[in-house]
Amino acid sequence: MPDGLVFSPLHEVHVAAGAGFTDFAGWQMPVRYSSDLAEHHAVRTSAGIFDLSHMAELRVEGPEAAAFLDFALAGRLSAIAIGQAKYSLLLTPDAGIVDDLVVYRRGENDFLVVANAGNHAAALDALRARTGGFAVAVSDESDDTALVAVQGPNARAIVKAVTGIRFGEPATAAAAAGTPATATATQDAATDAVPGANAETAPDDVSHPLDTLKYYWSVDAEYDGQGLFVARTGYTGEDGFELYVPVALAVSLWNDLVAAGESFGLVPAGLASRDTLRLEAGMPLYGHELGLDTKPAQAGLGRVPNLSKGDFVGRAALEADARPGSGADTARVLVGLVGEGKRAARAEYEIFAPAPSGTGTADAGYDGAGANGAPVGTVTSGVLSPTLGFPVAMAYVEPALAEPGTELTIDIRGKRLAFRVTTLPFYRRKRD
């Protein structure tokens, strides 16, 4: 094994399944088991199981935990109910993005903050640095926690089929999460800023807790006598669940899920398909669409910071950006792009304005409409969409060119190909 890499508690399971591996944020993680396309299509049509144990789980506890998170993060975390989750941003004082996070309220004064693997240390350090004056403690539970995700149309049936998982008594979505039923009124507010997310209503005539668990809610369960935390969240654009389990039970849970999912078409899926799935769903990836030099509004996340609450890190910079003449309105913004044919644009490819009418086609080598033919944007992620069959990309472009329907060109290996600005996401799953 390579020196210096961290291995998932499920590493040997992946080896036995024939996975190929990649170094991701210092972790040796499965990139694929069979083929990227097969795994992608399985998630869209049946289900896939992912090892996400490289993610960082940070616990925030104390009598002022809610107030602390309101100050440390951009959103109003004190407003979510016990059992509910919220997408939020960890900002620098200049309003750059340290990380995008999902925060679960586990109790009145108990929150679980899930950070990206590559930002584990940065997120932990930033949170701890902001605790001054608050009665709160930030601890790192990542080494003790494994995370398995089951995503796809059959995800709920598969998790329900694992006989070793014991849920509580049937209840409404809010009661299943340990909260009053009136708390469900905050559901839309908690999910409306999630990239690619849509709030949904659970069916009425059901008896299993997972049947009433809404998107961006969670429920406690038990597996092999130990606590299991199940959240209806994900990063694929499909319905699905993320299961947080003690490391010692990770292999057993994975095997039980695989066995339960065999008749439902479940396949193990790697990071390659996870990336194409999230891209189709218009979900940003840190290091591509998000970074320290990115402001929330540029990335289409302007609704995440809550300026109706009190002070928080990054607030002053956001308010300064909103003032006329600040220059923030000239910064490039994130858009979706769609093309024709089969040639995909990749990260860092340059974008140009198209040829004016009558000057020749993009393929003829027109330089574009920027100053002296300068690029007007840059691709951050791109792929030939396995689901849609045509090229899609996310990119930052000049604000004047961000209107849906705007025609642009992308330099793909020396040839200018036509793309069109479109609204995100590229793909939305059909609701039950």
Protein backbone atom coordinates (compact mmCIF):
# COMPACT_ATOMS: atom_id res chain seq x y z
CA MET A 1 0.00 0.00 0.00
CA PRO A 2 1.28 3.53 -0.77
CA ASP A 3 2.81 5.40 2.14
CA GLY A 4 0.97 8.39 3.56
CA LEU A 5 -2.51 7.45 2.34
CA VAL A 6 -5.50 6.89 4.59
CA PHE A 7 -7.59 3.80 3.98
CA SER A 8 -11.31 3.42 4.43
CA PRO A 9 -12.51 0.81 6.94
CA LEU A 10 -14.11 -0.79 3.88
CA HIS A 11 -10.88 -0.96 1.87
CA GLU A 12 -10.56 -4.75 1.85
CA VAL A 13 -14.19 -5.08 0.79
CA HIS A 14 -13.46 -2.87 -2.20
CA VAL A 15 -10.34 -4.85 -3.08
CA ALA A 16 -12.34 -8.09 -3.00
CA ALA A 17 -14.95 -6.49 -5.27
CA GLY A 18 -12.29 -5.67 -7.86
CA ALA A 19 -12.34 -1.90 -7.40
CA GLY A 20 -9.81 0.41 -8.99
CA PHE A 21 -8.51 3.09 -6.63
CA THR A 22 -7.52 6.73 -6.70
CA ASP A 23 -5.89 9.12 -4.27
CA PHE A 24 -8.63 11.51 -3.17
CA ALA A 25 -7.79 14.13 -0.52
CA GLY A 26 -5.16 11.80 0.90
CA TRP A 27 -7.48 8.78 0.96
CA GLN A 28 -7.22 5.66 -1.15
CA MET A 29 -10.79 5.45 -2.42
CA PRO A 30 -12.57 3.28 -5.01
CA VAL A 31 -12.92 5.16 -8.30
CA ARG A 32 -14.85 2.38 -10.09
CA TYR A 33 -15.69 -1.33 -9.81
CA SER A 34 -16.92 -2.21 -13.30
CA SER A 35 -17.39 0.82 -15.54
CA ASP A 36 -18.22 4.45 -14.90
CA LEU A 37 -21.22 4.29 -17.22
CA ALA A 38 -22.65 1.10 -15.72
CA GLU A 39 -22.41 2.48 -12.20
CA HIS A 40 -23.88 5.83 -13.23
CA HIS A 41 -26.86 4.21 -14.97
CA ALA A 42 -27.44 1.87 -12.03
CA VAL A 43 -27.89 4.84 -9.69
CA ARG A 44 -30.28 6.52 -12.12
CA THR A 45 -32.38 3.39 -12.75
CA SER A 46 -32.04 1.16 -9.67
CA ALA A 47 -29.44 1.89 -6.97
CA GLY A 48 -25.78 2.27 -6.16
CA ILE A 49 -23.88 1.94 -2.90
CA PHE A 50 -21.00 4.34 -2.14
CA ASP A 51 -18.28 4.40 0.49
CA LEU A 52 -18.07 7.97 1.79
CA SER A 53 -15.97 7.26 4.86
CA HIS A 54 -13.47 9.90 3.77
CA MET A 55 -15.92 12.67 4.71
CA ALA A 56 -15.28 14.58 7.94
CA GLU A 57 -17.75 14.35 10.84
CA LEU A 58 -17.38 17.21 13.32
CA ARG A 59 -19.53 17.37 16.47
CA VAL A 60 -20.62 20.71 17.89
CA GLU A 61 -22.10 20.48 21.40
CA GLY A 62 -22.88 22.80 24.26
CA PRO A 63 -25.57 25.14 25.59
CA GLU A 64 -24.64 27.74 22.97
CA ALA A 65 -24.09 25.36 20.06
CA ALA A 66 -26.92 26.82 17.96
CA ALA A 67 -25.81 30.42 18.54
CA PHE A 68 -22.22 29.45 17.78
CA LEU A 69 -23.15 27.89 14.43
CA ASP A 70 -25.22 30.93 13.54
CA PHE A 71 -22.03 32.96 13.99
CA ALA A 72 -19.57 30.47 12.48
CA LEU A 73 -21.62 29.54 9.38
CA ALA A 74 -23.52 31.56 6.81
CA GLY A 75 -26.97 30.05 7.42
CA ARG A 76 -29.31 30.20 10.40
CA LEU A 77 -28.71 26.81 11.96
CA SER A 78 -30.65 27.67 15.11
CA ALA A 79 -33.85 27.59 13.03
CA ILE A 80 -33.71 23.92 12.06
CA ALA A 81 -35.52 21.31 14.11
CA ILE A 82 -34.06 18.30 15.85
CA GLY A 83 -33.58 15.64 13.16
CA GLN A 84 -33.42 18.15 10.34
CA ALA A 85 -30.44 18.91 8.09
CA LYS A 86 -29.37 22.11 6.37
CA TYR A 87 -26.86 22.91 3.64
CA SER A 88 -24.58 25.77 4.65
CA LEU A 89 -21.29 27.52 3.95
CA LEU A 90 -18.20 28.11 6.06
CA LEU A 91 -16.88 31.50 4.94
CA THR A 92 -13.70 33.46 5.43
CA PRO A 93 -13.98 37.03 6.78
CA ASP A 94 -13.73 38.12 3.11
CA ALA A 95 -16.71 35.85 2.28
CA GLY A 96 -14.64 33.31 0.37
CA ILE A 97 -15.80 29.72 0.76
CA VAL A 98 -13.74 27.55 3.12
CA ASP A 99 -16.13 24.65 2.59
CA ASP A 100 -19.72 23.79 1.85
CA LEU A 101 -21.26 21.64 4.54
CA VAL A 102 -24.30 19.70 5.63
CA VAL A 103 -25.33 20.27 9.25
CA TYR A 104 -27.64 17.91 11.14
CA ARG A 105 -29.34 18.88 14.37
CA ARG A 106 -29.00 15.83 16.58
CA GLY A 107 -30.40 17.41 19.76
CA GLU A 108 -31.29 20.75 21.26
CA ASN A 109 -27.62 21.54 21.84
CA ASP A 110 -26.01 18.92 19.62
CA PHE A 111 -25.11 19.28 15.92
CA LEU A 112 -23.20 17.13 13.44
CA VAL A 113 -21.28 19.08 10.80
CA VAL A 114 -20.22 17.04 7.77
CA ALA A 115 -17.33 18.58 5.81
CA ASN A 116 -15.60 17.60 2.59
CA ALA A 117 -12.61 15.30 2.93
CA GLY A 118 -10.22 17.75 1.31
CA ASN A 119 -11.28 20.47 3.75
CA HIS A 120 -11.28 18.33 6.89
CA ALA A 121 -8.47 20.21 8.63
CA ALA A 122 -9.51 23.63 7.31
CA ALA A 123 -13.10 23.22 8.48
CA LEU A 124 -12.11 21.86 11.89
CA ASP A 125 -9.55 24.62 12.45
CA ALA A 126 -11.97 27.35 11.36
CA LEU A 127 -14.76 26.12 13.62
CA ARG A 128 -12.49 25.79 16.63
CA ALA A 129 -11.01 29.24 16.00
CA ARG A 130 -14.51 30.75 16.19
CA THR A 131 -15.56 29.23 19.53
CA GLY A 132 -14.29 32.17 21.61
CA GLY A 133 -17.06 33.57 23.79
CA PHE A 134 -19.40 30.61 23.21
CA ALA A 135 -20.14 27.77 25.62
CA VAL A 136 -19.50 25.12 23.01
CA ALA A 137 -17.10 22.30 22.18
CA VAL A 138 -16.05 21.14 18.71
CA SER A 139 -14.83 17.55 18.45
CA ASP A 140 -13.69 15.40 15.54
CA GLU A 141 -15.53 12.07 15.21
CA SER A 142 -14.23 11.22 11.75
CA ASP A 143 -11.90 8.41 12.84
CA ASP A 144 -14.74 6.65 14.64
CA THR A 145 -17.34 7.03 11.90
CA ALA A 146 -17.89 5.24 8.61
CA LEU A 147 -20.36 6.61 6.06
CA VAL A 148 -22.21 4.51 3.50
CA ALA A 149 -24.65 5.96 0.97
CA VAL A 150 -27.36 4.11 -0.94
CA GLN A 151 -28.65 6.23 -3.82
CA GLY A 152 -31.22 5.60 -6.52
CA PRO A 153 -34.93 4.87 -7.09
CA ASN A 154 -34.69 1.63 -5.10
CA ALA A 155 -32.65 3.07 -2.21
CA ARG A 156 -35.51 3.19 0.28
CA ALA A 157 -36.63 -0.36 -0.43
CA ILE A 158 -33.07 -1.62 -0.01
CA VAL A 159 -32.44 0.04 3.35
CA LYS A 160 -35.82 -1.16 4.58
CA ALA A 161 -34.93 -4.71 3.52
CA VAL A 162 -31.89 -4.94 5.83
CA THR A 163 -33.32 -6.94 8.71
CA GLY A 164 -30.46 -5.99 11.02
CA ILE A 165 -31.44 -2.32 11.02
CA ARG A 166 -34.00 -1.59 13.72
CA PHE A 167 -36.00 1.64 13.54
CA GLY A 168 -38.34 3.10 16.10
CA GLU A 169 -42.12 2.99 16.01
CA PRO A 170 -43.81 4.23 12.83
CA ALA A 171 -44.35 7.98 12.96
CA THR A 172 -44.65 11.09 10.87
CA ALA A 173 -41.49 12.44 9.30
CA ALA A 174 -41.04 15.00 12.04
CA ALA A 175 -41.85 12.63 14.91
CA ALA A 176 -39.53 10.02 13.43
CA ALA A 177 -36.82 12.61 13.68
CA GLY A 178 -37.68 13.36 17.29
CA THR A 179 -39.39 16.72 16.69
CA PRO A 180 -42.89 18.16 16.99
CA ALA A 181 -45.01 17.85 13.86
CA THR A 182 -45.14 21.63 13.52
CA ALA A 183 -41.41 21.61 12.82
CA THR A 184 -42.04 20.26 9.33
CA ALA A 185 -43.08 23.75 8.32
CA THR A 186 -39.39 24.62 8.12
CA GLN A 187 -38.70 21.87 5.58
CA ASP A 188 -38.82 24.07 2.49
CA ALA A 189 -36.64 26.72 4.11
CA ALA A 190 -34.01 24.14 4.99
CA THR A 191 -33.75 22.70 1.49
CA ASP A 192 -34.45 25.59 -0.88
CA ALA A 193 -30.78 26.61 -0.97
CA VAL A 194 -29.47 23.10 -1.58
CA PRO A 195 -28.03 22.78 -5.10
CA GLY A 196 -30.16 20.32 -7.06
CA ALA A 197 -32.63 19.86 -4.20
CA ASN A 198 -36.40 19.89 -4.22
CA ALA A 199 -38.53 19.56 -1.12
CA GLU A 200 -41.04 16.75 -1.39
CA THR A 201 -44.08 15.49 0.47
CA ALA A 202 -44.05 12.01 1.97
CA PRO A 203 -46.91 9.62 1.27
CA ASP A 204 -49.68 9.46 3.88
CA ASP A 205 -50.61 5.79 4.08
CA VAL A 206 -47.34 4.24 5.19
CA SER A 207 -46.04 2.51 8.30
CA HIS A 208 -42.23 2.49 8.09
CA PRO A 209 -40.22 5.48 9.38
CA LEU A 210 -38.34 5.74 6.09
CA ASP A 211 -41.62 6.10 4.21
CA THR A 212 -42.36 9.34 6.05
CA LEU A 213 -38.83 10.68 6.31
CA LYS A 214 -38.59 13.79 4.13
CA TYR A 215 -35.61 14.98 2.15
CA TYR A 216 -33.01 16.60 4.42
CA TRP A 217 -34.33 14.91 7.56
CA SER A 218 -32.76 12.11 9.57
CA VAL A 219 -33.73 9.37 11.96
CA ASP A 220 -31.89 7.33 14.58
CA ALA A 221 -31.84 3.56 14.31
CA GLU A 222 -29.94 0.61 15.73
CA TYR A 223 -27.67 -1.84 13.98
CA ASP A 224 -26.05 -4.82 15.72
CA GLY A 225 -26.81 -3.27 19.08
CA GLN A 226 -25.15 0.07 18.29
CA GLY A 227 -26.42 3.42 17.15
CA LEU A 228 -27.00 4.01 13.44
CA PHE A 229 -27.80 7.45 12.07
CA VAL A 230 -29.79 7.46 8.82
CA ALA A 231 -30.26 10.64 6.78
CA ARG A 232 -32.28 11.17 3.63
CA THR A 233 -29.56 13.15 1.92
CA GLY A 234 -27.17 12.59 -0.98
CA TYR A 235 -25.07 14.00 -3.78
CA THR A 236 -26.39 12.28 -6.89
CA GLY A 237 -29.69 13.97 -7.76
CA GLU A 238 -31.53 10.76 -6.87
CA ASP A 239 -33.45 9.77 -3.79
CA GLY A 240 -31.26 8.06 -1.26
CA PHE A 241 -29.93 7.65 2.24
CA GLU A 242 -26.62 8.22 3.99
CA LEU A 243 -25.90 5.89 6.89
CA TYR A 244 -23.43 6.90 9.62
CA VAL A 245 -22.18 3.87 11.48
CA PRO A 246 -19.36 3.05 13.95
CA VAL A 247 -16.22 1.99 12.09
CA ALA A 248 -16.28 -1.50 13.64
CA LEU A 249 -19.65 -2.21 11.98
CA ALA A 250 -18.89 -0.74 8.55
CA VAL A 251 -18.05 -4.00 6.78
CA SER A 252 -21.05 -5.82 8.21
CA LEU A 253 -23.44 -3.02 7.25
CA TRP A 254 -22.00 -2.76 3.73
CA ASN A 255 -22.37 -6.52 3.21
CA ASP A 256 -25.92 -6.53 4.54
CA LEU A 257 -26.90 -3.66 2.25
CA VAL A 258 -25.33 -5.38 -0.76
CA ALA A 259 -27.15 -8.61 0.05
CA ALA A 260 -30.47 -6.82 0.55
CA GLY A 261 -29.98 -4.87 -2.66
CA GLU A 262 -29.14 -7.79 -4.93
CA SER A 263 -32.73 -8.28 -6.07
CA PHE A 264 -33.16 -4.51 -6.50
CA GLY A 265 -30.25 -4.06 -8.93
CA LEU A 266 -27.88 -2.48 -6.41
CA VAL A 267 -24.25 -2.17 -7.53
CA PRO A 268 -21.17 -0.76 -5.77
CA ALA A 269 -20.29 2.63 -7.27
CA GLY A 270 -17.09 4.65 -7.17
CA LEU A 271 -16.05 8.27 -7.18
CA ALA A 272 -16.07 8.53 -10.98
CA SER A 273 -19.81 7.89 -11.25
CA ARG A 274 -20.46 10.02 -8.18
CA ASP A 275 -18.85 12.93 -10.03
CA THR A 276 -20.91 12.54 -13.22
CA LEU A 277 -24.09 12.08 -11.19
CA ARG A 278 -23.56 15.24 -9.12
CA LEU A 279 -22.63 17.20 -12.25
CA GLU A 280 -25.86 16.25 -14.01
CA ALA A 281 -27.71 17.31 -10.86
CA GLY A 282 -25.98 20.71 -10.88
CA MET A 283 -24.30 20.17 -7.52
CA PRO A 284 -21.04 22.11 -7.02
CA LEU A 285 -17.80 20.40 -6.06
CA TYR A 286 -15.28 22.12 -3.85
CA GLY A 287 -12.06 22.76 -5.74
CA HIS A 288 -13.99 23.03 -8.99
CA GLU A 289 -17.05 25.25 -8.59
CA LEU A 290 -16.24 26.42 -5.05
CA GLY A 291 -13.09 27.77 -3.41
CA LEU A 292 -11.56 30.46 -1.25
CA ASP A 293 -11.74 32.92 -4.14
CA THR A 294 -15.44 32.21 -4.75
CA LYS A 295 -18.23 34.29 -3.23
CA PRO A 296 -21.60 32.60 -2.58
CA ALA A 297 -23.54 34.71 -5.08
CA GLN A 298 -21.06 33.90 -7.84
CA ALA A 299 -21.72 30.19 -7.31
CA GLY A 300 -25.49 30.58 -7.33
CA LEU A 301 -25.56 30.17 -3.53
CA GLY A 302 -26.60 33.70 -2.67
CA ARG A 303 -29.61 32.38 -0.75
CA VAL A 304 -27.46 30.40 1.69
CA PRO A 305 -26.11 33.35 3.74
CA ASN A 306 -28.87 34.62 6.02
CA LEU A 307 -28.54 38.37 6.46
CA SER A 308 -31.65 38.51 8.65
CA LYS A 309 -29.77 36.93 11.56
CA GLY A 310 -27.08 38.58 13.65
CA ASP A 311 -23.40 38.86 12.94
CA PHE A 312 -21.53 35.99 11.34
CA VAL A 313 -18.13 35.47 9.79
CA GLY A 314 -18.20 36.93 6.29
CA ARG A 315 -21.25 39.12 6.80
CA ALA A 316 -19.45 42.47 6.53
CA ALA A 317 -17.83 41.42 3.25
CA LEU A 318 -21.16 40.26 1.82
CA GLU A 319 -22.78 43.55 2.74
CA ALA A 320 -19.89 45.46 1.18
CA ASP A 321 -20.27 43.46 -2.02
CA ALA A 322 -23.95 44.41 -2.17
CA ARG A 323 -23.21 48.14 -2.22
CA PRO A 324 -23.35 49.94 -5.59
CA GLY A 325 -19.93 50.39 -7.11
CA SER A 326 -18.34 47.56 -5.15
CA GLY A 327 -17.41 45.75 -8.35
CA ALA A 328 -18.92 42.48 -7.15
CA ASP A 329 -21.48 42.61 -9.95
CA THR A 330 -18.70 42.24 -12.53
CA ALA A 331 -17.35 38.98 -11.11
CA ARG A 332 -17.85 35.85 -13.19
CA VAL A 333 -20.85 33.72 -12.26
CA LEU A 334 -21.57 30.00 -12.41
CA VAL A 335 -23.73 28.74 -15.27
CA GLY A 336 -24.68 25.49 -16.90
CA LEU A 337 -23.63 24.83 -20.49
CA VAL A 338 -24.96 22.27 -22.96
CA GLY A 339 -23.42 21.30 -26.28
CA GLU A 340 -24.06 19.10 -29.26
CA GLY A 341 -22.21 16.07 -30.50
CA LYS A 342 -20.09 13.89 -28.22
CA ARG A 343 -17.05 16.00 -27.30
CA ALA A 344 -17.10 17.05 -23.67
CA ALA A 345 -15.55 20.19 -22.24
CA ARG A 346 -13.27 19.55 -19.27
CA ALA A 347 -12.19 21.58 -16.25
CA GLU A 348 -10.02 24.61 -17.10
CA TYR A 349 -11.02 24.70 -20.76
CA GLU A 350 -11.41 28.31 -21.91
CA ILE A 351 -14.72 29.80 -23.06
CA PHE A 352 -15.14 32.40 -25.78
CA ALA A 353 -18.00 34.41 -27.21
CA PRO A 354 -19.28 33.09 -30.55
CA ALA A 355 -18.64 34.53 -33.97
CA PRO A 356 -20.98 37.38 -34.96
CA SER A 357 -23.42 36.56 -37.72
CA GLY A 358 -21.70 36.49 -41.10
CA THR A 359 -18.12 36.16 -39.83
CA GLY A 360 -17.93 32.39 -40.04
CA THR A 361 -18.64 29.54 -37.64
CA ALA A 362 -16.98 28.88 -34.30
CA ASP A 363 -15.13 25.98 -35.89
CA ALA A 364 -13.56 28.35 -38.42
CA GLY A 365 -11.36 29.84 -35.73
CA TYR A 366 -13.06 33.08 -34.75
CA ASP A 367 -11.24 34.54 -31.71
CA GLY A 368 -14.30 35.45 -29.66
CA ALA A 369 -15.78 38.72 -28.45
CA GLY A 370 -13.66 39.39 -25.36
CA ALA A 371 -11.08 42.17 -25.43
CA ASN A 372 -8.69 41.17 -28.22
CA GLY A 373 -10.44 37.80 -28.36
CA ALA A 374 -9.77 37.12 -24.67
CA PRO A 375 -11.58 34.26 -22.92
CA VAL A 376 -14.90 35.18 -21.32
CA GLY A 377 -15.03 32.24 -18.95
CA THR A 378 -13.58 28.93 -17.77
CA VAL A 379 -15.08 25.46 -17.46
CA THR A 380 -15.02 24.04 -13.93
CA SER A 381 -16.54 20.59 -14.61
CA GLY A 382 -17.67 18.88 -17.79
CA VAL A 383 -18.73 15.49 -19.12
CA LEU A 384 -20.61 13.78 -21.91
CA SER A 385 -23.76 13.23 -19.85
CA PRO A 386 -24.43 9.49 -19.51
CA THR A 387 -28.10 10.14 -18.79
CA LEU A 388 -28.84 12.84 -21.36
CA GLY A 389 -26.47 11.80 -24.15
CA PHE A 390 -24.99 15.25 -24.87
CA PRO A 391 -22.15 17.30 -23.35
CA VAL A 392 -22.86 19.29 -20.19
CA ALA A 393 -20.57 21.55 -18.21
CA MET A 394 -20.50 23.98 -15.33
CA ALA A 395 -18.47 27.11 -15.86
CA TYR A 396 -17.80 30.64 -14.69
CA VAL A 397 -18.55 33.28 -17.31
CA GLU A 398 -18.83 37.05 -17.52
CA PRO A 399 -22.19 38.21 -16.05
CA ALA A 400 -23.31 39.72 -19.36
CA LEU A 401 -23.10 36.25 -20.92
CA ALA A 402 -24.89 34.33 -18.17
CA GLU A 403 -28.43 34.59 -19.51
CA PRO A 404 -29.95 31.20 -20.45
CA GLY A 405 -29.88 30.75 -24.20
CA THR A 406 -26.64 32.69 -24.68
CA GLU A 407 -24.44 31.06 -27.30
CA LEU A 408 -20.78 30.57 -26.41
CA THR A 409 -17.88 28.48 -27.66
CA ILE A 410 -15.39 26.31 -25.80
CA ASP A 411 -11.88 25.59 -26.95
CA ILE A 412 -11.71 21.80 -26.92
CA ARG A 413 -8.22 20.74 -27.92
CA GLY A 414 -7.75 23.63 -30.30
CA LYS A 415 -11.20 23.56 -31.85
CA ARG A 416 -14.00 25.95 -30.94
CA LEU A 417 -17.27 24.09 -30.34
CA ALA A 418 -20.65 25.67 -29.71
CA PHE A 419 -22.30 25.52 -26.28
CA ARG A 420 -25.39 27.23 -24.92
CA VAL A 421 -26.04 28.62 -21.43
CA THR A 422 -28.82 26.80 -19.60
CA THR A 423 -30.32 26.78 -16.14
CA LEU A 424 -29.12 24.25 -13.60
CA PRO A 425 -29.61 21.41 -12.91
CA PHE A 426 -29.27 19.52 -16.18
CA TYR A 427 -31.17 16.56 -14.76
CA ARG A 428 -34.11 16.28 -12.34
CA ARG A 429 -35.39 12.94 -11.22
CA LYS A 430 -39.04 12.04 -11.65
CA ARG A 431 -40.99 12.26 -8.38
CA ASP A 432 -43.00 9.35 -7.06
